[in-house]
Amino acid sequence: MSDFETDLTSNDKELQEFLMMEKQKAQVNAQIHEFNEICWEKCIGKPSAKLDSATETCLSNCVDRFIDTSLLITQRFAQILQKHDM
């Protein structure tokens, strides 16, 4: 393999890694946006200058439940895929 081909392969790999990282960042941002939208609707009654403790607790619990549910679904999906591959 020539140096040129090696450089292309190396650059392709770096580009793929960069694109994968950017995709993961976009997924995290989309997840955060979804948390905000769902939990805001659920927990925020009226805008105010400061969040009261009940609202803070509601927001925290909402995000925790959302994360737990997302992890559970992901784990269950992985189990189904593993069983299917066997």
PDB file of N, CA and C in Angstrom:
ATOM      1  N   MET A   1       0.850  -1.174   0.000  1.00  0.00           N
ATOM      2  CA  MET A   1       0.000   0.000   0.000  1.00  0.00           C
ATOM      3  C   MET A   1       0.893   1.234   0.000  1.00  0.00           C
ATOM      4  N   SER A   2       0.567   2.180  -0.837  1.00  0.00           N
ATOM      5  CA  SER A   2       1.382   3.389  -0.919  1.00  0.00           C
ATOM      6  C   SER A   2       1.070   4.324   0.247  1.00  0.00           C
ATOM      7  N   ASP A   3       1.976   5.289   0.426  1.00  0.00           N
ATOM      8  CA  ASP A   3       1.768   6.282   1.486  1.00  0.00           C
ATOM      9  C   ASP A   3       0.469   7.055   1.263  1.00  0.00           C
ATOM     10  N   PHE A   4       0.161   7.320   0.002  1.00  0.00           N
ATOM     11  CA  PHE A   4      -1.062   8.052  -0.330  1.00  0.00           C
ATOM     12  C   PHE A   4      -2.295   7.266   0.103  1.00  0.00           C
ATOM     13  N   GLU A   5      -2.301   5.959  -0.193  1.00  0.00           N
ATOM     14  CA  GLU A   5      -3.429   5.112   0.200  1.00  0.00           C
ATOM     15  C   GLU A   5      -3.531   5.008   1.716  1.00  0.00           C
ATOM     16  N   THR A   6      -2.392   4.921   2.393  1.00  0.00           N
ATOM     17  CA  THR A   6      -2.380   4.861   3.852  1.00  0.00           C
ATOM     18  C   THR A   6      -2.945   6.150   4.437  1.00  0.00           C
ATOM     19  N   ASP A   7      -2.540   7.288   3.866  1.00  0.00           N
ATOM     20  CA  ASP A   7      -3.058   8.579   4.327  1.00  0.00           C
ATOM     21  C   ASP A   7      -4.569   8.669   4.132  1.00  0.00           C
ATOM     22  N   LEU A   8      -5.065   8.184   2.987  1.00  0.00           N
ATOM     23  CA  LEU A   8      -6.504   8.212   2.738  1.00  0.00           C
ATOM     24  C   LEU A   8      -7.245   7.343   3.749  1.00  0.00           C
ATOM     25  N   THR A   9      -6.720   6.155   3.998  1.00  0.00           N
ATOM     26  CA  THR A   9      -7.347   5.253   4.952  1.00  0.00           C
ATOM     27  C   THR A   9      -7.361   5.877   6.340  1.00  0.00           C
ATOM     28  N   SER A  10      -6.257   6.474   6.730  1.00  0.00           N
ATOM     29  CA  SER A  10      -6.165   7.134   8.028  1.00  0.00           C
ATOM     30  C   SER A  10      -7.140   8.305   8.110  1.00  0.00           C
ATOM     31  N   ASN A  11      -7.192   9.091   7.052  1.00  0.00           N
ATOM     32  CA  ASN A  11      -8.108  10.234   7.022  1.00  0.00           C
ATOM     33  C   ASN A  11      -9.562   9.778   7.039  1.00  0.00           C
ATOM     34  N   ASP A  12      -9.866   8.694   6.318  1.00  0.00           N
ATOM     35  CA  ASP A  12     -11.223   8.156   6.314  1.00  0.00           C
ATOM     36  C   ASP A  12     -11.628   7.716   7.714  1.00  0.00           C
ATOM     37  N   LYS A  13     -10.709   7.054   8.405  1.00  0.00           N
ATOM     38  CA  LYS A  13     -11.004   6.590   9.755  1.00  0.00           C
ATOM     39  C   LYS A  13     -11.229   7.778  10.690  1.00  0.00           C
ATOM     40  N   GLU A  14     -10.385   8.782  10.588  1.00  0.00           N
ATOM     41  CA  GLU A  14     -10.544   9.981  11.418  1.00  0.00           C
ATOM     42  C   GLU A  14     -11.871  10.670  11.125  1.00  0.00           C
ATOM     43  N   LEU A  15     -12.234  10.744   9.859  1.00  0.00           N
ATOM     44  CA  LEU A  15     -13.496  11.367   9.474  1.00  0.00           C
ATOM     45  C   LEU A  15     -14.675  10.569  10.023  1.00  0.00           C
ATOM     46  N   GLN A  16     -14.604   9.253   9.930  1.00  0.00           N
ATOM     47  CA  GLN A  16     -15.673   8.409  10.462  1.00  0.00           C
ATOM     48  C   GLN A  16     -15.809   8.585  11.971  1.00  0.00           C
ATOM     49  N   GLU A  17     -14.685   8.638  12.668  1.00  0.00           N
ATOM     50  CA  GLU A  17     -14.719   8.835  14.120  1.00  0.00           C
ATOM     51  C   GLU A  17     -15.309  10.200  14.464  1.00  0.00           C
ATOM     52  N   PHE A  18     -14.911  11.217  13.716  1.00  0.00           N
ATOM     53  CA  PHE A  18     -15.441  12.561  13.940  1.00  0.00           C
ATOM     54  C   PHE A  18     -16.950  12.588  13.711  1.00  0.00           C
ATOM     55  N   LEU A  19     -17.391  11.981  12.615  1.00  0.00           N
ATOM     56  CA  LEU A  19     -18.820  11.958  12.309  1.00  0.00           C
ATOM     57  C   LEU A  19     -19.607  11.185  13.361  1.00  0.00           C
ATOM     58  N   MET A  20     -19.037  10.098  13.873  1.00  0.00           N
ATOM     59  CA  MET A  20     -19.697   9.321  14.920  1.00  0.00           C
ATOM     60  C   MET A  20     -19.840  10.157  16.192  1.00  0.00           C
ATOM     61  N   MET A  21     -18.791  10.892  16.547  1.00  0.00           N
ATOM     62  CA  MET A  21     -18.853  11.752  17.732  1.00  0.00           C
ATOM     63  C   MET A  21     -19.908  12.846  17.554  1.00  0.00           C
ATOM     64  N   GLU A  22     -19.959  13.436  16.380  1.00  0.00           N
ATOM     65  CA  GLU A  22     -20.948  14.481  16.115  1.00  0.00           C
ATOM     66  C   GLU A  22     -22.365  13.913  16.160  1.00  0.00           C
ATOM     67  N   LYS A  23     -22.531  12.710  15.655  1.00  0.00           N
ATOM     68  CA  LYS A  23     -23.845  12.058  15.700  1.00  0.00           C
ATOM     69  C   LYS A  23     -24.256  11.806  17.148  1.00  0.00           C
ATOM     70  N   GLN A  24     -23.316  11.352  17.969  1.00  0.00           N
ATOM     71  CA  GLN A  24     -23.610  11.107  19.380  1.00  0.00           C
ATOM     72  C   GLN A  24     -23.956  12.407  20.100  1.00  0.00           C
ATOM     73  N   LYS A  25     -23.236  13.476  19.787  1.00  0.00           N
ATOM     74  CA  LYS A  25     -23.550  14.781  20.383  1.00  0.00           C
ATOM     75  C   LYS A  25     -24.963  15.215  19.998  1.00  0.00           C
ATOM     76  N   ALA A  26     -25.311  15.026  18.735  1.00  0.00           N
ATOM     77  CA  ALA A  26     -26.645  15.406  18.265  1.00  0.00           C
ATOM     78  C   ALA A  26     -27.723  14.581  18.972  1.00  0.00           C
ATOM     79  N   GLN A  27     -27.448  13.301  19.202  1.00  0.00           N
ATOM     80  CA  GLN A  27     -28.409  12.456  19.902  1.00  0.00           C
ATOM     81  C   GLN A  27     -28.591  12.909  21.346  1.00  0.00           C
ATOM     82  N   VAL A  28     -27.503  13.267  22.011  1.00  0.00           N
ATOM     83  CA  VAL A  28     -27.584  13.759  23.389  1.00  0.00           C
ATOM     84  C   VAL A  28     -28.378  15.064  23.425  1.00  0.00           C
ATOM     85  N   ASN A  29     -28.095  15.965  22.495  1.00  0.00           N
ATOM     86  CA  ASN A  29     -28.833  17.232  22.443  1.00  0.00           C
ATOM     87  C   ASN A  29     -30.320  16.999  22.191  1.00  0.00           C
ATOM     88  N   ALA A  30     -30.647  16.065  21.313  1.00  0.00           N
ATOM     89  CA  ALA A  30     -32.051  15.750  21.045  1.00  0.00           C
ATOM     90  C   ALA A  30     -32.722  15.179  22.291  1.00  0.00           C
ATOM     91  N   GLN A  31     -32.002  14.338  23.016  1.00  0.00           N
ATOM     92  CA  GLN A  31     -32.529  13.755  24.251  1.00  0.00           C
ATOM     93  C   GLN A  31     -32.786  14.846  25.291  1.00  0.00           C
ATOM     94  N   ILE A  32     -31.849  15.765  25.442  1.00  0.00           N
ATOM     95  CA  ILE A  32     -32.014  16.867  26.396  1.00  0.00           C
ATOM     96  C   ILE A  32     -33.210  17.729  26.005  1.00  0.00           C
ATOM     97  N   HIS A  33     -33.351  17.993  24.722  1.00  0.00           N
ATOM     98  CA  HIS A  33     -34.486  18.782  24.253  1.00  0.00           C
ATOM     99  C   HIS A  33     -35.799  18.069  24.578  1.00  0.00           C
ATOM    100  N   GLU A  34     -35.818  16.764  24.395  1.00  0.00           N
ATOM    101  CA  GLU A  34     -37.020  15.987  24.699  1.00  0.00           C
ATOM    102  C   GLU A  34     -37.324  16.014  26.197  1.00  0.00           C
ATOM    103  N   PHE A  35     -36.273  15.859  27.043  1.00  0.00           N
ATOM    104  CA  PHE A  35     -36.461  15.983  28.504  1.00  0.00           C
ATOM    105  C   PHE A  35     -37.102  17.323  28.833  1.00  0.00           C
ATOM    106  N   ASN A  36     -36.512  18.372  28.300  1.00  0.00           N
ATOM    107  CA  ASN A  36     -37.000  19.722  28.588  1.00  0.00           C
ATOM    108  C   ASN A  36     -38.466  19.884  28.206  1.00  0.00           C
ATOM    109  N   GLU A  37     -38.797  19.437  27.014  1.00  0.00           N
ATOM    110  CA  GLU A  37     -40.163  19.605  26.527  1.00  0.00           C
ATOM    111  C   GLU A  37     -41.168  18.840  27.390  1.00  0.00           C
ATOM    112  N   ILE A  38     -40.897  17.576  27.636  1.00  0.00           N
ATOM    113  CA  ILE A  38     -41.822  16.744  28.406  1.00  0.00           C
ATOM    114  C   ILE A  38     -41.913  17.217  29.853  1.00  0.00           C
ATOM    115  N   CYS A  39     -40.777  17.401  30.482  1.00  0.00           N
ATOM    116  CA  CYS A  39     -40.770  17.745  31.902  1.00  0.00           C
ATOM    117  C   CYS A  39     -41.250  19.170  32.149  1.00  0.00           C
ATOM    118  N   TRP A  40     -40.997  20.075  31.222  1.00  0.00           N
ATOM    119  CA  TRP A  40     -41.498  21.445  31.377  1.00  0.00           C
ATOM    120  C   TRP A  40     -43.022  21.428  31.383  1.00  0.00           C
ATOM    121  N   GLU A  41     -43.607  20.716  30.410  1.00  0.00           N
ATOM    122  CA  GLU A  41     -45.065  20.635  30.333  1.00  0.00           C
ATOM    123  C   GLU A  41     -45.655  19.994  31.585  1.00  0.00           C
ATOM    124  N   LYS A  42     -44.974  19.003  32.118  1.00  0.00           N
ATOM    125  CA  LYS A  42     -45.475  18.272  33.277  1.00  0.00           C
ATOM    126  C   LYS A  42     -45.322  19.068  34.571  1.00  0.00           C
ATOM    127  N   CYS A  43     -44.236  19.777  34.744  1.00  0.00           N
ATOM    128  CA  CYS A  43     -43.883  20.331  36.056  1.00  0.00           C
ATOM    129  C   CYS A  43     -44.059  21.839  36.211  1.00  0.00           C
ATOM    130  N   ILE A  44     -44.015  22.588  35.142  1.00  0.00           N
ATOM    131  CA  ILE A  44     -44.048  24.047  35.257  1.00  0.00           C
ATOM    132  C   ILE A  44     -45.477  24.530  35.034  1.00  0.00           C
ATOM    133  N   GLY A  45     -46.077  25.049  36.098  1.00  0.00           N
ATOM    134  CA  GLY A  45     -47.439  25.556  35.995  1.00  0.00           C
ATOM    135  C   GLY A  45     -47.471  26.962  35.433  1.00  0.00           C
ATOM    136  N   LYS A  46     -46.721  27.830  36.063  1.00  0.00           N
ATOM    137  CA  LYS A  46     -46.658  29.222  35.610  1.00  0.00           C
ATOM    138  C   LYS A  46     -45.223  29.714  35.790  1.00  0.00           C
ATOM    139  N   PRO A  47     -44.756  30.502  34.863  1.00  0.00           N
ATOM    140  CA  PRO A  47     -43.390  31.029  34.981  1.00  0.00           C
ATOM    141  C   PRO A  47     -43.250  31.925  36.213  1.00  0.00           C
ATOM    142  N   SER A  48     -42.112  31.822  36.851  1.00  0.00           N
ATOM    143  CA  SER A  48     -41.806  32.693  37.981  1.00  0.00           C
ATOM    144  C   SER A  48     -40.306  32.962  37.997  1.00  0.00           C
ATOM    145  N   ALA A  49     -39.894  33.861  38.859  1.00  0.00           N
ATOM    146  CA  ALA A  49     -38.484  34.248  38.927  1.00  0.00           C
ATOM    147  C   ALA A  49     -37.615  33.130  39.484  1.00  0.00           C
ATOM    148  N   LYS A  50     -38.208  32.262  40.302  1.00  0.00           N
ATOM    149  CA  LYS A  50     -37.439  31.207  40.955  1.00  0.00           C
ATOM    150  C   LYS A  50     -38.282  29.934  41.023  1.00  0.00           C
ATOM    151  N   LEU A  51     -37.620  28.786  40.858  1.00  0.00           N
ATOM    152  CA  LEU A  51     -38.331  27.512  40.981  1.00  0.00           C
ATOM    153  C   LEU A  51     -38.524  27.180  42.455  1.00  0.00           C
ATOM    154  N   ASP A  52     -39.730  26.758  42.807  1.00  0.00           N
ATOM    155  CA  ASP A  52     -39.936  26.325  44.189  1.00  0.00           C
ATOM    156  C   ASP A  52     -39.456  24.879  44.327  1.00  0.00           C
ATOM    157  N   SER A  53     -39.368  24.407  45.557  1.00  0.00           N
ATOM    158  CA  SER A  53     -38.796  23.076  45.794  1.00  0.00           C
ATOM    159  C   SER A  53     -39.645  21.977  45.170  1.00  0.00           C
ATOM    160  N   ALA A  54     -40.960  22.131  45.153  1.00  0.00           N
ATOM    161  CA  ALA A  54     -41.827  21.116  44.545  1.00  0.00           C
ATOM    162  C   ALA A  54     -41.570  21.020  43.041  1.00  0.00           C
ATOM    163  N   THR A  55     -41.381  22.154  42.396  1.00  0.00           N
ATOM    164  CA  THR A  55     -41.104  22.165  40.960  1.00  0.00           C
ATOM    165  C   THR A  55     -39.737  21.554  40.672  1.00  0.00           C
ATOM    166  N   GLU A  56     -38.737  21.890  41.474  1.00  0.00           N
ATOM    167  CA  GLU A  56     -37.404  21.302  41.299  1.00  0.00           C
ATOM    168  C   GLU A  56     -37.463  19.791  41.459  1.00  0.00           C
ATOM    169  N   THR A  57     -38.193  19.321  42.474  1.00  0.00           N
ATOM    170  CA  THR A  57     -38.330  17.880  42.707  1.00  0.00           C
ATOM    171  C   THR A  57     -39.041  17.218  41.535  1.00  0.00           C
ATOM    172  N   CYS A  58     -40.100  17.846  41.055  1.00  0.00           N
ATOM    173  CA  CYS A  58     -40.837  17.312  39.911  1.00  0.00           C
ATOM    174  C   CYS A  58     -39.933  17.195  38.687  1.00  0.00           C
ATOM    175  N   LEU A  59     -39.174  18.237  38.394  1.00  0.00           N
ATOM    176  CA  LEU A  59     -38.270  18.214  37.238  1.00  0.00           C
ATOM    177  C   LEU A  59     -37.217  17.122  37.380  1.00  0.00           C
ATOM    178  N   SER A  60     -36.641  17.021  38.561  1.00  0.00           N
ATOM    179  CA  SER A  60     -35.613  16.010  38.809  1.00  0.00           C
ATOM    180  C   SER A  60     -36.184  14.604  38.649  1.00  0.00           C
ATOM    181  N   ASN A  61     -37.341  14.359  39.250  1.00  0.00           N
ATOM    182  CA  ASN A  61     -37.973  13.039  39.146  1.00  0.00           C
ATOM    183  C   ASN A  61     -38.381  12.721  37.714  1.00  0.00           C
ATOM    184  N   CYS A  62     -38.870  13.719  37.014  1.00  0.00           N
ATOM    185  CA  CYS A  62     -39.281  13.531  35.622  1.00  0.00           C
ATOM    186  C   CYS A  62     -38.097  13.095  34.760  1.00  0.00           C
ATOM    187  N   VAL A  63     -36.996  13.804  34.880  1.00  0.00           N
ATOM    188  CA  VAL A  63     -35.804  13.457  34.094  1.00  0.00           C
ATOM    189  C   VAL A  63     -35.283  12.080  34.503  1.00  0.00           C
ATOM    190  N   ASP A  64     -35.263  11.798  35.802  1.00  0.00           N
ATOM    191  CA  ASP A  64     -34.801  10.486  36.268  1.00  0.00           C
ATOM    192  C   ASP A  64     -35.657   9.365  35.684  1.00  0.00           C
ATOM    193  N   ARG A  65     -36.972   9.533  35.712  1.00  0.00           N
ATOM    194  CA  ARG A  65     -37.866   8.509  35.151  1.00  0.00           C
ATOM    195  C   ARG A  65     -37.643   8.360  33.656  1.00  0.00           C
ATOM    196  N   PHE A  66     -37.457   9.473  32.974  1.00  0.00           N
ATOM    197  CA  PHE A  66     -37.237   9.443  31.533  1.00  0.00           C
ATOM    198  C   PHE A  66     -35.954   8.686  31.203  1.00  0.00           C
ATOM    199  N   ILE A  67     -34.892   8.964  31.944  1.00  0.00           N
ATOM    200  CA  ILE A  67     -33.614   8.275  31.728  1.00  0.00           C
ATOM    201  C   ILE A  67     -33.753   6.790  32.045  1.00  0.00           C
ATOM    202  N   ASP A  68     -34.375   6.465  33.183  1.00  0.00           N
ATOM    203  CA  ASP A  68     -34.563   5.061  33.556  1.00  0.00           C
ATOM    204  C   ASP A  68     -35.352   4.305  32.495  1.00  0.00           C
ATOM    205  N   THR A  69     -36.409   4.916  31.998  1.00  0.00           N
ATOM    206  CA  THR A  69     -37.229   4.282  30.968  1.00  0.00           C
ATOM    207  C   THR A  69     -36.434   4.095  29.680  1.00  0.00           C
ATOM    208  N   SER A  70     -35.675   5.101  29.290  1.00  0.00           N
ATOM    209  CA  SER A  70     -34.855   4.996  28.075  1.00  0.00           C
ATOM    210  C   SER A  70     -33.833   3.871  28.201  1.00  0.00           C
ATOM    211  N   LEU A  71     -33.186   3.772  29.368  1.00  0.00           N
ATOM    212  CA  LEU A  71     -32.212   2.701  29.590  1.00  0.00           C
ATOM    213  C   LEU A  71     -32.879   1.332  29.570  1.00  0.00           C
ATOM    214  N   LEU A  72     -34.043   1.220  30.194  1.00  0.00           N
ATOM    215  CA  LEU A  72     -34.764  -0.047  30.219  1.00  0.00           C
ATOM    216  C   LEU A  72     -35.134  -0.493  28.808  1.00  0.00           C
ATOM    217  N   ILE A  73     -35.642   0.422  28.015  1.00  0.00           N
ATOM    218  CA  ILE A  73     -36.007   0.101  26.635  1.00  0.00           C
ATOM    219  C   ILE A  73     -34.775  -0.310  25.835  1.00  0.00           C
ATOM    220  N   THR A  74     -33.676   0.409  26.003  1.00  0.00           N
ATOM    221  CA  THR A  74     -32.438   0.085  25.294  1.00  0.00           C
ATOM    222  C   THR A  74     -31.925  -1.295  25.685  1.00  0.00           C
ATOM    223  N   GLN A  75     -31.930  -1.596  26.982  1.00  0.00           N
ATOM    224  CA  GLN A  75     -31.465  -2.901  27.454  1.00  0.00           C
ATOM    225  C   GLN A  75     -32.363  -4.020  26.937  1.00  0.00           C
ATOM    226  N   ARG A  76     -33.665  -3.799  26.968  1.00  0.00           N
ATOM    227  CA  ARG A  76     -34.602  -4.819  26.488  1.00  0.00           C
ATOM    228  C   ARG A  76     -34.408  -5.053  24.995  1.00  0.00           C
ATOM    229  N   PHE A  77     -34.232  -4.006  24.251  1.00  0.00           N
ATOM    230  CA  PHE A  77     -34.000  -4.132  22.815  1.00  0.00           C
ATOM    231  C   PHE A  77     -32.715  -4.914  22.545  1.00  0.00           C
ATOM    232  N   ALA A  78     -31.659  -4.645  23.314  1.00  0.00           N
ATOM    233  CA  ALA A  78     -30.390  -5.372  23.160  1.00  0.00           C
ATOM    234  C   ALA A  78     -30.585  -6.854  23.464  1.00  0.00           C
ATOM    235  N   GLN A  79     -31.385  -7.178  24.483  1.00  0.00           N
ATOM    236  CA  GLN A  79     -31.660  -8.581  24.811  1.00  0.00           C
ATOM    237  C   GLN A  79     -32.390  -9.274  23.664  1.00  0.00           C
ATOM    238  N   ILE A  80     -33.358  -8.590  23.088  1.00  0.00           N
ATOM    239  CA  ILE A  80     -34.108  -9.168  21.969  1.00  0.00           C
ATOM    240  C   ILE A  80     -33.180  -9.414  20.788  1.00  0.00           C
ATOM    241  N   LEU A  81     -32.297  -8.469  20.500  1.00  0.00           N
ATOM    242  CA  LEU A  81     -31.349  -8.639  19.396  1.00  0.00           C
ATOM    243  C   LEU A  81     -30.405  -9.805  19.646  1.00  0.00           C
ATOM    244  N   GLN A  82     -29.932  -9.958  20.894  1.00  0.00           N
ATOM    245  CA  GLN A  82     -29.038 -11.065  21.225  1.00  0.00           C
ATOM    246  C   GLN A  82     -29.742 -12.404  21.037  1.00  0.00           C
ATOM    247  N   LYS A  83     -30.982 -12.512  21.472  1.00  0.00           N
ATOM    248  CA  LYS A  83     -31.740 -13.756  21.312  1.00  0.00           C
ATOM    249  C   LYS A  83     -31.978 -14.051  19.843  1.00  0.00           C
ATOM    250  N   HIS A  84     -32.234 -13.008  19.071  1.00  0.00           N
ATOM    251  CA  HIS A  84     -32.502 -13.172  17.651  1.00  0.00           C
ATOM    252  C   HIS A  84     -31.255 -13.633  16.895  1.00  0.00           C
ATOM    253  N   ASP A  85     -30.078 -13.172  17.326  1.00  0.00           N
ATOM    254  CA  ASP A  85     -28.819 -13.521  16.662  1.00  0.00           C
ATOM    255  C   ASP A  85     -28.374 -14.942  16.970  1.00  0.00           C
ATOM    256  N   MET A  86     -28.854 -15.518  18.046  1.00  0.00           N
ATOM    257  CA  MET A  86     -28.410 -16.862  18.440  1.00  0.00           C
ATOM    258  C   MET A  86     -29.002 -17.901  17.578  1.00  0.00           C
TER     259      MET A  86
END
